[in-house]
C-alpha cells in the first residue's frame, strides 16, 4: 500500500514537471489611433510696437504635428492687460484643411489695446475636427509692450501742426519777417525833391541849309 502511494506521487510529480504545449497566438493589438495635433507656433503683430487705440492685426502660424488631417479648427485671440481680466479680440476659422506637418496662417483683427503697459496676447486653438488626442499645446502667449497714445497737437502751436521742427519753424518765421520788412521799405513814398533845371540841349549837328534853294 505504501509502495503504491509512492508510485502515484512520483507519477504526479513527473506529470507536473513535463513541459506544457504553447498556447496559440491571439489577435495582434490594434494600431494606434491617428489624430490631428494643432499647435500655434508663431504670432506676429502689425504694427510690431502698437500704441493705445491703434488698429492692430495678429498673424498666427498653425502647425499640424499629428498623424491625421485636420479638416477644421478655430483660433481665438485674447488680450490680458496688466491687473485686468482677459478681453476677447476675435475668433477666425482655419482657412483650409491641414495635413500632417503642414502649416497655415490666420489673421485675427483688426483690434485695439485700450491701456498702455505690458500686455499678454493669448492665442487659443479650438473646435479641431476630427478631435485631437492632445490639446495641451493649443495655446501660445506673446508679451506685448503697448505704448501710450500719440499726444495730439494743439491748434496754433506754431509749425508743430505741420510737422515742422522748431529750427525749421524759426527759419520760416524769420524769412516771413524779412520779406515783410523789405516790402514795407520799397512801398514807402519817396520824399519830394527841390526843383532842378532841365538838362542842357545837345548841340545841333545837322548840316547848314543850301542857299539859295
N, C-alpha and C. Protein backbone atom coordinates (compact mmCIF):
# COMPACT_ATOMS: atom_id res chain seq x y z
N UNK A 1 0.85 -1.22 0.00
CA UNK A 1 0.00 0.00 0.00
C UNK A 1 0.86 1.24 0.00
N UNK A 2 1.92 1.21 0.76
CA UNK A 2 2.80 2.38 0.84
C UNK A 2 3.55 2.54 -0.48
N UNK A 3 3.93 1.37 -1.07
CA UNK A 3 4.65 1.48 -2.34
C UNK A 3 3.75 2.05 -3.43
N UNK A 4 2.49 1.64 -3.47
CA UNK A 4 1.58 2.16 -4.49
C UNK A 4 1.40 3.68 -4.33
N UNK A 5 1.31 4.14 -3.12
CA UNK A 5 1.16 5.58 -2.90
C UNK A 5 2.39 6.34 -3.35
N UNK A 6 3.57 5.79 -3.11
CA UNK A 6 4.80 6.46 -3.54
C UNK A 6 4.88 6.52 -5.05
N UNK A 7 4.47 5.39 -5.70
CA UNK A 7 4.49 5.42 -7.17
C UNK A 7 3.50 6.45 -7.73
N UNK A 8 2.36 6.57 -7.12
CA UNK A 8 1.36 7.55 -7.60
C UNK A 8 1.85 8.99 -7.43
N UNK A 9 2.52 9.21 -6.28
CA UNK A 9 3.05 10.55 -6.05
C UNK A 9 4.15 10.87 -7.04
N UNK A 10 5.01 9.91 -7.33
CA UNK A 10 6.08 10.14 -8.30
C UNK A 10 5.52 10.40 -9.69
N UNK A 11 4.47 9.68 -10.05
CA UNK A 11 3.86 9.90 -11.37
C UNK A 11 3.24 11.28 -11.47
N UNK A 12 2.63 11.69 -10.35
CA UNK A 12 2.01 13.03 -10.36
C UNK A 12 3.06 14.12 -10.49
N UNK A 13 4.18 13.96 -9.79
CA UNK A 13 5.24 14.97 -9.88
C UNK A 13 5.86 14.99 -11.28
N UNK A 14 6.00 13.86 -11.89
CA UNK A 14 6.55 13.79 -13.25
C UNK A 14 5.63 14.47 -14.25
N UNK A 15 4.32 14.29 -14.07
CA UNK A 15 3.35 14.93 -14.98
C UNK A 15 3.36 16.44 -14.83
N UNK A 16 3.54 16.91 -13.60
CA UNK A 16 3.56 18.37 -13.39
C UNK A 16 4.83 18.99 -13.95
N UNK A 17 5.94 18.25 -13.88
CA UNK A 17 7.21 18.80 -14.36
C UNK A 17 7.34 18.74 -15.87
N UNK A 18 6.50 18.01 -16.55
CA UNK A 18 6.60 17.90 -18.02
C UNK A 18 6.24 19.23 -18.66
N UNK A 19 6.92 19.67 -19.78
CA UNK A 19 6.61 20.96 -20.45
C UNK A 19 5.22 20.95 -21.06
N UNK A 20 4.57 22.11 -20.91
CA UNK A 20 3.22 22.24 -21.47
C UNK A 20 3.29 22.71 -22.92
N UNK A 21 2.30 22.39 -23.66
CA UNK A 21 2.22 22.83 -25.06
C UNK A 21 1.91 24.32 -25.11
N UNK A 22 2.59 25.09 -25.99
CA UNK A 22 2.33 26.54 -26.07
C UNK A 22 0.92 26.84 -26.51
N UNK A 23 0.40 27.95 -25.97
CA UNK A 23 -0.95 28.38 -26.36
C UNK A 23 -0.91 29.00 -27.75
N UNK A 24 -1.97 28.89 -28.49
CA UNK A 24 -1.99 29.52 -29.83
C UNK A 24 -1.95 31.04 -29.70
N UNK A 25 -1.27 31.76 -30.63
CA UNK A 25 -1.18 33.24 -30.54
C UNK A 25 -2.55 33.88 -30.75
N UNK A 26 -2.78 34.97 -29.98
CA UNK A 26 -4.03 35.69 -30.11
C UNK A 26 -3.97 36.75 -31.21
N UNK A 27 -5.03 37.50 -31.42
CA UNK A 27 -5.02 38.54 -32.46
C UNK A 27 -4.06 39.66 -32.11
N UNK A 28 -3.42 40.33 -33.11
CA UNK A 28 -2.48 41.43 -32.82
C UNK A 28 -3.21 42.64 -32.25
N UNK A 29 -2.51 43.45 -31.46
CA UNK A 29 -3.17 44.65 -30.90
C UNK A 29 -3.52 45.64 -32.00
N UNK A 30 -4.57 46.40 -31.81
CA UNK A 30 -4.95 47.37 -32.86
C UNK A 30 -3.91 48.49 -32.97
N UNK A 31 -3.74 49.03 -34.17
CA UNK A 31 -2.77 50.12 -34.34
C UNK A 31 -3.22 51.38 -33.60
N UNK A 32 -2.28 52.23 -33.23
CA UNK A 32 -2.67 53.47 -32.52
C UNK A 32 -3.56 54.34 -33.40
N UNK A 33 -4.49 55.02 -32.76
CA UNK A 33 -5.42 55.89 -33.48
C UNK A 33 -4.69 57.14 -33.96
N UNK A 34 -4.79 57.45 -35.24
CA UNK A 34 -4.18 58.66 -35.80
C UNK A 34 -5.14 59.83 -35.65
N UNK A 35 -4.63 60.95 -35.18
CA UNK A 35 -5.46 62.13 -34.95
C UNK A 35 -4.63 63.37 -35.24
N UNK A 36 -5.27 64.49 -35.59
CA UNK A 36 -4.52 65.74 -35.77
C UNK A 36 -4.04 66.29 -34.43
N UNK A 37 -3.02 67.10 -34.49
CA UNK A 37 -2.48 67.76 -33.30
C UNK A 37 -2.04 69.16 -33.72
N UNK A 38 -2.92 70.14 -33.54
CA UNK A 38 -2.65 71.50 -33.99
C UNK A 38 -1.94 72.28 -32.89
N UNK A 39 -0.92 73.05 -33.31
CA UNK A 39 -0.12 73.83 -32.37
C UNK A 39 0.11 75.22 -32.95
N UNK A 40 -0.22 76.31 -32.22
CA UNK A 40 0.18 77.65 -32.67
C UNK A 40 1.66 77.86 -32.38
N UNK A 41 2.47 78.03 -33.42
CA UNK A 41 3.92 78.09 -33.23
C UNK A 41 4.48 79.50 -33.35
N UNK A 42 3.70 80.44 -33.90
CA UNK A 42 4.24 81.81 -34.08
C UNK A 42 3.09 82.80 -34.19
N UNK A 43 3.31 84.01 -33.68
CA UNK A 43 2.35 85.10 -33.82
C UNK A 43 3.13 86.39 -34.02
N UNK A 44 2.70 87.18 -34.98
CA UNK A 44 3.33 88.47 -35.29
C UNK A 44 2.27 89.55 -35.32
N UNK A 45 2.63 90.73 -34.76
CA UNK A 45 1.73 91.88 -34.72
C UNK A 45 2.11 92.88 -35.79
N UNK A 46 1.11 93.55 -36.31
CA UNK A 46 1.32 94.65 -37.25
C UNK A 46 0.42 95.81 -36.84
N UNK A 47 1.04 96.93 -36.34
CA UNK A 47 2.47 97.19 -36.18
C UNK A 47 3.07 96.38 -35.02
N UNK A 48 4.42 96.24 -35.08
CA UNK A 48 5.09 95.43 -34.07
C UNK A 48 5.09 96.08 -32.70
N UNK A 49 5.08 97.42 -32.65
CA UNK A 49 5.05 98.16 -31.38
C UNK A 49 3.78 99.00 -31.36
N UNK A 50 2.64 98.40 -31.01
CA UNK A 50 1.36 99.13 -31.09
C UNK A 50 1.22 100.16 -29.98
N UNK A 51 0.37 101.14 -30.25
CA UNK A 51 0.01 102.17 -29.27
C UNK A 51 -1.45 101.99 -28.86
N UNK A 52 -1.81 102.66 -27.80
CA UNK A 52 -3.18 102.60 -27.32
C UNK A 52 -4.13 103.13 -28.40
N UNK A 53 -5.22 102.40 -28.62
CA UNK A 53 -6.27 102.75 -29.59
C UNK A 53 -5.77 102.74 -31.03
N UNK A 54 -4.65 102.09 -31.30
CA UNK A 54 -4.15 101.96 -32.67
C UNK A 54 -4.61 100.62 -33.25
N UNK A 55 -5.02 100.63 -34.53
CA UNK A 55 -5.51 99.41 -35.16
C UNK A 55 -4.38 98.40 -35.32
N UNK A 56 -4.63 97.15 -34.86
CA UNK A 56 -3.61 96.10 -34.83
C UNK A 56 -4.17 94.84 -35.46
N UNK A 57 -3.32 94.09 -36.19
CA UNK A 57 -3.64 92.77 -36.72
C UNK A 57 -2.62 91.76 -36.19
N UNK A 58 -3.07 90.54 -35.91
CA UNK A 58 -2.20 89.47 -35.44
C UNK A 58 -2.23 88.33 -36.44
N UNK A 59 -1.05 87.94 -36.96
CA UNK A 59 -0.92 86.81 -37.87
C UNK A 59 -0.39 85.61 -37.10
N UNK A 60 -1.17 84.53 -37.09
CA UNK A 60 -0.85 83.32 -36.31
C UNK A 60 -0.50 82.20 -37.28
N UNK A 61 0.63 81.52 -37.03
CA UNK A 61 1.05 80.36 -37.82
C UNK A 61 0.70 79.10 -37.03
N UNK A 62 -0.07 78.19 -37.66
CA UNK A 62 -0.54 76.96 -37.02
C UNK A 62 0.12 75.76 -37.71
N UNK A 63 0.63 74.80 -36.91
CA UNK A 63 1.28 73.59 -37.42
C UNK A 63 0.49 72.36 -36.97
N UNK A 64 0.34 71.39 -37.90
CA UNK A 64 -0.29 70.11 -37.56
C UNK A 64 0.82 69.10 -37.28
N UNK A 65 1.03 68.78 -36.00
CA UNK A 65 2.05 67.81 -35.61
C UNK A 65 1.50 66.39 -35.51
N UNK A 66 0.22 66.22 -35.76
CA UNK A 66 -0.40 64.91 -35.61
C UNK A 66 -0.19 64.03 -36.83
N UNK A 67 -0.85 62.87 -36.80
CA UNK A 67 -0.73 61.92 -37.89
C UNK A 67 -1.93 61.88 -38.79
N UNK A 68 -2.90 62.78 -38.60
CA UNK A 68 -4.10 62.79 -39.43
C UNK A 68 -4.41 64.23 -39.84
N UNK A 69 -5.22 64.34 -40.86
CA UNK A 69 -5.61 65.66 -41.38
C UNK A 69 -6.59 66.33 -40.44
N UNK A 70 -6.42 67.65 -40.27
CA UNK A 70 -7.39 68.47 -39.55
C UNK A 70 -8.24 69.20 -40.58
N UNK A 71 -9.50 68.85 -40.64
CA UNK A 71 -10.36 69.44 -41.66
C UNK A 71 -10.90 70.80 -41.26
N UNK A 72 -10.92 71.10 -39.95
CA UNK A 72 -11.46 72.39 -39.49
C UNK A 72 -10.92 72.68 -38.11
N UNK A 73 -10.88 73.97 -37.78
CA UNK A 73 -10.47 74.43 -36.45
C UNK A 73 -10.72 75.94 -36.38
N UNK A 74 -10.70 76.47 -35.18
CA UNK A 74 -10.83 77.91 -34.98
C UNK A 74 -9.68 78.40 -34.11
N UNK A 75 -9.35 79.69 -34.29
CA UNK A 75 -8.33 80.34 -33.48
C UNK A 75 -8.88 81.62 -32.89
N UNK A 76 -8.73 81.79 -31.60
CA UNK A 76 -9.22 82.97 -30.90
C UNK A 76 -8.05 83.72 -30.28
N UNK A 77 -8.19 85.04 -30.18
CA UNK A 77 -7.16 85.89 -29.57
C UNK A 77 -7.77 86.61 -28.39
N UNK A 78 -6.98 86.71 -27.31
CA UNK A 78 -7.42 87.38 -26.09
C UNK A 78 -6.32 88.35 -25.65
N UNK A 79 -6.75 89.52 -25.18
CA UNK A 79 -5.83 90.49 -24.60
C UNK A 79 -5.94 90.40 -23.09
N UNK A 80 -4.79 90.10 -22.45
CA UNK A 80 -4.74 90.04 -20.99
C UNK A 80 -3.93 91.25 -20.54
N UNK A 81 -4.58 92.38 -20.22
CA UNK A 81 -3.86 93.58 -19.79
C UNK A 81 -3.33 93.43 -18.37
N UNK A 82 -2.44 94.32 -17.95
CA UNK A 82 -1.94 94.23 -16.58
C UNK A 82 -3.05 94.50 -15.56
N UNK A 83 -3.15 93.60 -14.60
CA UNK A 83 -4.11 93.75 -13.49
C UNK A 83 -5.55 93.89 -14.00
N UNK A 84 -5.90 93.10 -15.01
CA UNK A 84 -7.26 93.17 -15.53
C UNK A 84 -7.64 91.80 -16.09
N UNK A 85 -8.94 91.65 -16.41
CA UNK A 85 -9.42 90.40 -16.97
C UNK A 85 -9.19 90.36 -18.47
N UNK A 86 -9.21 89.14 -19.03
CA UNK A 86 -8.96 88.95 -20.45
C UNK A 86 -10.09 89.55 -21.28
N UNK A 87 -9.71 90.10 -22.43
CA UNK A 87 -10.66 90.71 -23.36
C UNK A 87 -10.62 89.92 -24.67
N UNK A 88 -11.80 89.50 -25.14
CA UNK A 88 -11.90 88.74 -26.38
C UNK A 88 -11.66 89.68 -27.56
N UNK A 89 -10.66 89.35 -28.39
CA UNK A 89 -10.31 90.19 -29.53
C UNK A 89 -10.88 89.67 -30.85
N UNK A 90 -11.39 88.45 -30.85
CA UNK A 90 -11.97 87.92 -32.09
C UNK A 90 -11.58 86.47 -32.32
N UNK A 91 -12.38 85.79 -33.16
CA UNK A 91 -12.16 84.39 -33.50
C UNK A 91 -12.24 84.22 -35.01
N UNK A 92 -11.33 83.43 -35.57
CA UNK A 92 -11.31 83.15 -37.01
C UNK A 92 -11.23 81.65 -37.22
N UNK A 93 -11.65 81.21 -38.41
CA UNK A 93 -11.62 79.79 -38.77
C UNK A 93 -10.35 79.48 -39.55
N UNK A 94 -9.93 78.24 -39.49
CA UNK A 94 -8.80 77.78 -40.27
C UNK A 94 -9.11 77.94 -41.75
N UNK A 95 -8.20 78.53 -42.55
CA UNK A 95 -8.54 78.82 -43.96
C UNK A 95 -8.70 77.58 -44.81
N UNK A 96 -8.06 76.48 -44.46
CA UNK A 96 -8.16 75.24 -45.25
C UNK A 96 -7.74 74.07 -44.37
N UNK A 97 -7.95 72.85 -44.89
CA UNK A 97 -7.55 71.67 -44.14
C UNK A 97 -6.04 71.61 -43.99
N UNK A 98 -5.60 71.03 -42.86
CA UNK A 98 -4.17 70.93 -42.58
C UNK A 98 -3.78 69.46 -42.53
N UNK A 99 -2.88 69.06 -43.45
CA UNK A 99 -2.36 67.70 -43.44
C UNK A 99 -1.20 67.62 -42.43
N UNK A 100 -0.78 66.42 -42.06
CA UNK A 100 0.33 66.30 -41.13
C UNK A 100 1.58 67.04 -41.61
N UNK A 101 2.23 67.75 -40.68
CA UNK A 101 3.46 68.53 -40.92
C UNK A 101 3.21 69.76 -41.79
N UNK A 102 1.97 70.12 -42.03
CA UNK A 102 1.64 71.30 -42.84
C UNK A 102 1.30 72.47 -41.92
N UNK A 103 1.57 73.71 -42.40
CA UNK A 103 1.26 74.92 -41.65
C UNK A 103 0.26 75.77 -42.41
N UNK A 104 -0.40 76.65 -41.67
CA UNK A 104 -1.34 77.62 -42.24
C UNK A 104 -1.28 78.88 -41.40
N UNK A 105 -1.59 80.01 -42.03
CA UNK A 105 -1.59 81.31 -41.36
C UNK A 105 -3.00 81.86 -41.30
N UNK A 106 -3.37 82.37 -40.14
CA UNK A 106 -4.67 83.02 -39.95
C UNK A 106 -4.42 84.41 -39.38
N UNK A 107 -5.27 85.35 -39.74
CA UNK A 107 -5.15 86.74 -39.29
C UNK A 107 -6.33 87.07 -38.40
N UNK A 108 -6.03 87.52 -37.20
CA UNK A 108 -7.05 87.97 -36.25
C UNK A 108 -6.98 89.49 -36.16
N UNK A 109 -8.11 90.14 -36.33
CA UNK A 109 -8.13 91.59 -36.26
C UNK A 109 -8.92 92.20 -37.39
N UNK A 110 -8.94 93.54 -37.42
CA UNK A 110 -8.19 94.45 -36.54
C UNK A 110 -8.83 94.59 -35.15
N UNK A 111 -7.97 94.92 -34.16
CA UNK A 111 -8.41 95.17 -32.80
C UNK A 111 -7.51 96.25 -32.22
N UNK A 112 -7.83 96.71 -31.01
CA UNK A 112 -7.06 97.78 -30.37
C UNK A 112 -6.76 97.38 -28.93
N UNK A 113 -5.67 97.91 -28.40
CA UNK A 113 -5.35 97.80 -26.98
C UNK A 113 -5.85 99.08 -26.29
N UNK A 114 -6.53 98.92 -25.18
CA UNK A 114 -7.17 100.06 -24.52
C UNK A 114 -6.27 100.76 -23.50
N UNK A 115 -5.25 100.08 -23.00
CA UNK A 115 -4.39 100.67 -21.97
C UNK A 115 -2.93 100.43 -22.34
N UNK A 116 -2.06 101.30 -21.83
CA UNK A 116 -0.63 101.15 -22.04
C UNK A 116 -0.05 100.21 -20.99
N UNK A 117 1.13 99.66 -21.30
CA UNK A 117 1.80 98.78 -20.35
C UNK A 117 2.07 97.42 -20.96
N UNK A 118 2.46 96.46 -20.12
CA UNK A 118 2.81 95.11 -20.55
C UNK A 118 1.55 94.25 -20.62
N UNK A 119 1.20 93.85 -21.84
CA UNK A 119 0.02 93.01 -22.08
C UNK A 119 0.48 91.61 -22.48
N UNK A 120 -0.46 90.66 -22.42
CA UNK A 120 -0.25 89.31 -22.92
C UNK A 120 -1.29 89.03 -24.00
N UNK A 121 -0.82 88.76 -25.22
CA UNK A 121 -1.71 88.36 -26.31
C UNK A 121 -1.76 86.83 -26.33
N UNK A 122 -2.93 86.26 -26.02
CA UNK A 122 -3.07 84.81 -25.90
C UNK A 122 -3.84 84.26 -27.10
N UNK A 123 -3.23 83.27 -27.78
CA UNK A 123 -3.86 82.60 -28.91
C UNK A 123 -4.31 81.22 -28.45
N UNK A 124 -5.58 80.87 -28.73
CA UNK A 124 -6.16 79.60 -28.30
C UNK A 124 -6.80 78.93 -29.51
N UNK A 125 -6.37 77.68 -29.81
CA UNK A 125 -6.97 76.87 -30.87
C UNK A 125 -8.05 75.98 -30.27
N UNK A 126 -9.16 75.82 -31.00
CA UNK A 126 -10.27 75.02 -30.50
C UNK A 126 -11.07 74.48 -31.68
N UNK A 127 -12.07 73.64 -31.34
CA UNK A 127 -13.00 73.09 -32.34
C UNK A 127 -12.28 72.36 -33.47
N UNK A 128 -11.24 71.59 -33.11
CA UNK A 128 -10.48 70.84 -34.11
C UNK A 128 -11.29 69.62 -34.54
N UNK A 129 -11.38 69.42 -35.87
CA UNK A 129 -12.11 68.29 -36.43
C UNK A 129 -11.20 67.52 -37.40
N UNK A 130 -11.04 66.16 -37.18
CA UNK A 130 -11.56 65.36 -36.07
C UNK A 130 -10.88 65.73 -34.76
N UNK A 131 -11.43 65.24 -33.66
CA UNK A 131 -10.97 65.65 -32.34
C UNK A 131 -9.53 65.24 -32.10
N UNK A 132 -8.79 66.14 -31.43
CA UNK A 132 -7.40 65.87 -31.09
C UNK A 132 -7.31 64.92 -29.91
N UNK A 133 -6.20 64.17 -29.86
CA UNK A 133 -5.91 63.37 -28.68
C UNK A 133 -5.00 64.11 -27.71
N UNK A 134 -4.41 65.23 -28.17
CA UNK A 134 -3.54 66.05 -27.31
C UNK A 134 -3.93 67.51 -27.50
N UNK A 135 -4.54 68.09 -26.49
CA UNK A 135 -4.95 69.50 -26.56
C UNK A 135 -4.16 70.37 -25.58
N UNK A 136 -3.06 69.83 -25.04
CA UNK A 136 -2.29 70.59 -24.06
C UNK A 136 -1.40 71.64 -24.70
N UNK A 137 -1.25 71.61 -26.02
CA UNK A 137 -0.37 72.56 -26.70
C UNK A 137 -1.14 73.49 -27.63
N UNK A 138 -2.38 73.78 -27.28
CA UNK A 138 -3.23 74.59 -28.16
C UNK A 138 -3.18 76.08 -27.85
N UNK A 139 -2.31 76.51 -26.92
CA UNK A 139 -2.24 77.93 -26.56
C UNK A 139 -0.83 78.46 -26.78
N UNK A 140 -0.77 79.76 -27.09
CA UNK A 140 0.51 80.45 -27.26
C UNK A 140 0.35 81.87 -26.73
N UNK A 141 1.28 82.31 -25.87
CA UNK A 141 1.26 83.65 -25.29
C UNK A 141 2.38 84.50 -25.89
N UNK A 142 2.06 85.76 -26.16
CA UNK A 142 3.02 86.73 -26.67
C UNK A 142 2.99 87.95 -25.77
N UNK A 143 4.14 88.35 -25.24
CA UNK A 143 4.23 89.56 -24.42
C UNK A 143 4.28 90.78 -25.34
N UNK A 144 3.44 91.76 -25.05
CA UNK A 144 3.34 92.97 -25.88
C UNK A 144 3.47 94.19 -24.99
N UNK A 145 4.42 95.06 -25.30
CA UNK A 145 4.58 96.33 -24.59
C UNK A 145 3.80 97.40 -25.37
N UNK A 146 2.63 97.74 -24.88
CA UNK A 146 1.76 98.71 -25.55
C UNK A 146 2.20 100.12 -25.15
N UNK A 147 2.46 100.96 -26.15
CA UNK A 147 2.92 102.33 -25.91
C UNK A 147 1.73 103.26 -25.67
N UNK A 148 1.98 104.40 -24.98
CA UNK A 148 0.89 105.38 -24.79
C UNK A 148 0.46 105.96 -26.12
N UNK A 149 -0.73 106.55 -26.16
CA UNK A 149 -1.19 107.15 -27.42
C UNK A 149 -0.36 108.38 -27.77
N UNK A 150 -0.33 108.69 -29.05
CA UNK A 150 0.37 109.88 -29.51
C UNK A 150 -0.33 111.12 -29.00
N UNK A 151 0.43 112.08 -28.45
CA UNK A 151 -0.15 113.31 -27.92
C UNK A 151 -0.66 114.17 -29.06
N UNK A 152 -1.95 114.55 -29.06
CA UNK A 152 -2.46 115.38 -30.16
C UNK A 152 -1.86 116.79 -30.11
N UNK A 153 -1.67 117.40 -31.26
CA UNK A 153 -1.11 118.75 -31.36
C UNK A 153 -2.21 119.79 -31.20
N UNK A 154 -1.98 120.76 -30.34
CA UNK A 154 -2.96 121.82 -30.13
C UNK A 154 -2.94 122.80 -31.30
N UNK A 155 -4.12 123.32 -31.70
CA UNK A 155 -4.14 124.30 -32.79
C UNK A 155 -3.38 125.56 -32.42
N UNK A 156 -2.68 126.13 -33.41
CA UNK A 156 -1.97 127.38 -33.20
C UNK A 156 -0.65 127.23 -32.50
N UNK A 157 -0.11 126.01 -32.43
CA UNK A 157 1.17 125.81 -31.76
C UNK A 157 2.30 125.93 -32.76
N UNK A 158 2.41 127.07 -33.41
CA UNK A 158 3.50 127.34 -34.34
C UNK A 158 3.42 126.41 -35.52
N UNK A 159 4.58 125.88 -35.92
CA UNK A 159 4.61 124.98 -37.06
C UNK A 159 4.47 123.54 -36.67
N UNK A 160 4.15 123.23 -35.38
CA UNK A 160 4.05 121.84 -34.97
C UNK A 160 2.92 121.13 -35.66
N UNK A 161 1.84 121.85 -35.96
CA UNK A 161 0.72 121.22 -36.63
C UNK A 161 1.05 120.79 -38.03
N UNK A 162 2.11 121.39 -38.66
CA UNK A 162 2.52 121.00 -39.99
C UNK A 162 3.61 119.95 -39.95
N UNK A 163 4.02 119.51 -38.79
CA UNK A 163 5.07 118.53 -38.69
C UNK A 163 6.45 119.11 -38.89
N UNK A 164 6.66 120.43 -38.64
CA UNK A 164 7.94 121.08 -38.82
C UNK A 164 8.71 121.07 -37.51
N UNK A 165 10.04 120.97 -37.64
CA UNK A 165 10.87 121.02 -36.45
C UNK A 165 10.95 122.46 -35.94
N UNK A 166 11.35 122.68 -34.67
CA UNK A 166 11.46 124.05 -34.16
C UNK A 166 12.44 124.90 -34.96
N UNK A 167 13.57 124.32 -35.43
CA UNK A 167 14.52 125.10 -36.22
C UNK A 167 13.91 125.53 -37.54
N UNK A 168 13.20 124.61 -38.21
CA UNK A 168 12.57 124.97 -39.48
C UNK A 168 11.51 126.03 -39.27
N UNK A 169 10.75 125.92 -38.20
CA UNK A 169 9.72 126.92 -37.92
C UNK A 169 10.34 128.30 -37.70
N UNK A 170 11.48 128.37 -36.97
CA UNK A 170 12.14 129.66 -36.72
C UNK A 170 12.65 130.26 -38.03
N UNK A 171 13.22 129.43 -38.91
CA UNK A 171 13.72 129.94 -40.20
C UNK A 171 12.57 130.46 -41.06
N UNK A 172 11.46 129.75 -41.06
CA UNK A 172 10.31 130.21 -41.85
C UNK A 172 9.80 131.55 -41.33
N UNK A 173 9.70 131.68 -40.01
CA UNK A 173 9.22 132.94 -39.44
C UNK A 173 10.19 134.08 -39.72
N UNK A 174 11.51 133.82 -39.67
CA UNK A 174 12.49 134.86 -39.97
C UNK A 174 12.39 135.31 -41.42
N UNK A 175 12.19 134.33 -42.34
CA UNK A 175 12.06 134.69 -43.75
C UNK A 175 10.81 135.52 -44.00
N UNK A 176 9.72 135.16 -43.33
CA UNK A 176 8.48 135.94 -43.49
C UNK A 176 8.67 137.35 -42.97
N UNK A 177 9.34 137.50 -41.82
CA UNK A 177 9.56 138.83 -41.26
C UNK A 177 10.46 139.68 -42.16
N UNK A 178 11.52 139.06 -42.74
CA UNK A 178 12.41 139.80 -43.64
C UNK A 178 11.67 140.24 -44.89
N UNK A 179 10.82 139.38 -45.44
CA UNK A 179 10.06 139.76 -46.63
C UNK A 179 9.09 140.88 -46.34
N UNK A 180 8.46 140.85 -45.17
CA UNK A 180 7.54 141.93 -44.83
C UNK A 180 8.28 143.25 -44.65
N UNK A 181 9.49 143.22 -44.07
CA UNK A 181 10.27 144.47 -43.91
C UNK A 181 10.69 145.04 -45.24
N UNK A 182 11.11 144.17 -46.17
CA UNK A 182 11.52 144.65 -47.48
C UNK A 182 10.35 145.26 -48.23
N UNK A 183 9.19 144.61 -48.14
CA UNK A 183 8.01 145.15 -48.83
C UNK A 183 7.63 146.51 -48.26
N UNK A 184 7.74 146.66 -46.95
CA UNK A 184 7.43 147.95 -46.33
C UNK A 184 8.41 149.03 -46.75
N UNK A 185 9.70 148.65 -46.90
CA UNK A 185 10.72 149.62 -47.28
C UNK A 185 10.52 150.13 -48.70
N UNK A 186 10.22 149.20 -49.63
CA UNK A 186 10.08 149.60 -51.03
C UNK A 186 8.75 150.27 -51.31
N UNK A 187 7.77 150.03 -50.47
CA UNK A 187 6.47 150.65 -50.72
C UNK A 187 6.36 152.04 -50.08
N UNK A 188 7.37 152.48 -49.32
CA UNK A 188 7.33 153.80 -48.68
C UNK A 188 7.49 154.89 -49.75
N UNK A 189 6.66 155.97 -49.79
CA UNK A 189 6.79 157.02 -50.81
C UNK A 189 8.09 157.81 -50.62
N UNK A 190 8.72 158.21 -51.76
CA UNK A 190 9.95 158.99 -51.72
C UNK A 190 9.65 160.45 -51.35
N UNK A 191 10.49 161.06 -50.55
CA UNK A 191 10.26 162.48 -50.19
C UNK A 191 10.42 163.37 -51.42
N UNK A 192 9.69 164.51 -51.50
CA UNK A 192 9.82 165.41 -52.67
C UNK A 192 11.19 166.08 -52.71
N UNK A 193 11.71 166.29 -53.93
CA UNK A 193 13.00 166.94 -54.14
C UNK A 193 12.79 168.39 -54.61
N UNK A 194 13.85 169.23 -54.43
CA UNK A 194 13.79 170.63 -54.94
C UNK A 194 13.81 170.64 -56.46
N UNK A 195 13.22 171.73 -57.04
CA UNK A 195 13.17 171.83 -58.50
C UNK A 195 14.57 171.97 -59.05
N UNK A 196 14.88 171.31 -60.12
CA UNK A 196 16.18 171.33 -60.77
C UNK A 196 16.00 171.80 -62.21
N UNK A 197 17.03 172.54 -62.75
CA UNK A 197 16.92 172.97 -64.15
C UNK A 197 16.97 171.77 -65.07
N UNK A 198 16.33 171.88 -66.21
CA UNK A 198 16.37 170.76 -67.17
C UNK A 198 17.79 170.57 -67.68
N UNK A 199 18.13 169.43 -68.14
CA UNK A 199 19.47 169.20 -68.69
C UNK A 199 19.68 170.02 -69.96
N UNK A 200 20.94 170.42 -70.27
CA UNK A 200 21.21 171.23 -71.48
C UNK A 200 20.87 170.46 -72.74
N UNK A 201 20.46 171.21 -73.77
CA UNK A 201 20.13 170.62 -75.05
C UNK A 201 21.42 170.21 -75.75
N UNK A 202 21.47 169.13 -76.43
CA UNK A 202 22.67 168.74 -77.17
C UNK A 202 22.89 169.69 -78.35
N UNK A 203 24.16 169.93 -78.75
CA UNK A 203 24.43 170.84 -79.89
C UNK A 203 23.84 170.31 -81.17
N UNK A 204 23.47 171.23 -82.04
CA UNK A 204 22.86 170.87 -83.32
C UNK A 204 23.96 170.45 -84.28
N UNK A 205 23.98 169.21 -84.69
CA UNK A 205 24.98 168.67 -85.58
C UNK A 205 24.48 168.54 -87.00
N UNK A 206 23.32 169.10 -87.33
CA UNK A 206 22.78 168.95 -88.69
C UNK A 206 23.54 169.87 -89.64
N UNK A 207 23.71 169.53 -90.95
CA UNK A 207 24.41 170.40 -91.94
C UNK A 207 23.63 171.68 -92.18
N UNK A 208 24.33 172.77 -92.54
CA UNK A 208 23.63 174.04 -92.83
C UNK A 208 22.78 173.91 -94.07
N UNK A 209 21.72 174.67 -94.13
CA UNK A 209 20.84 174.58 -95.33
C UNK A 209 21.55 175.13 -96.59
N UNK A 210 21.16 174.59 -97.70
CA UNK A 210 21.70 175.04 -99.01
C UNK A 210 20.96 176.32 -99.40
N UNK A 211 21.74 177.35 -99.70
CA UNK A 211 21.14 178.65 -100.06
C UNK A 211 21.74 179.13 -101.33
N UNK A 212 21.07 179.61 -102.28
CA UNK A 212 19.61 179.58 -102.43
C UNK A 212 19.16 178.15 -102.66
N UNK A 213 17.95 177.96 -102.45
CA UNK A 213 17.45 176.61 -102.68
C UNK A 213 17.49 176.25 -104.17
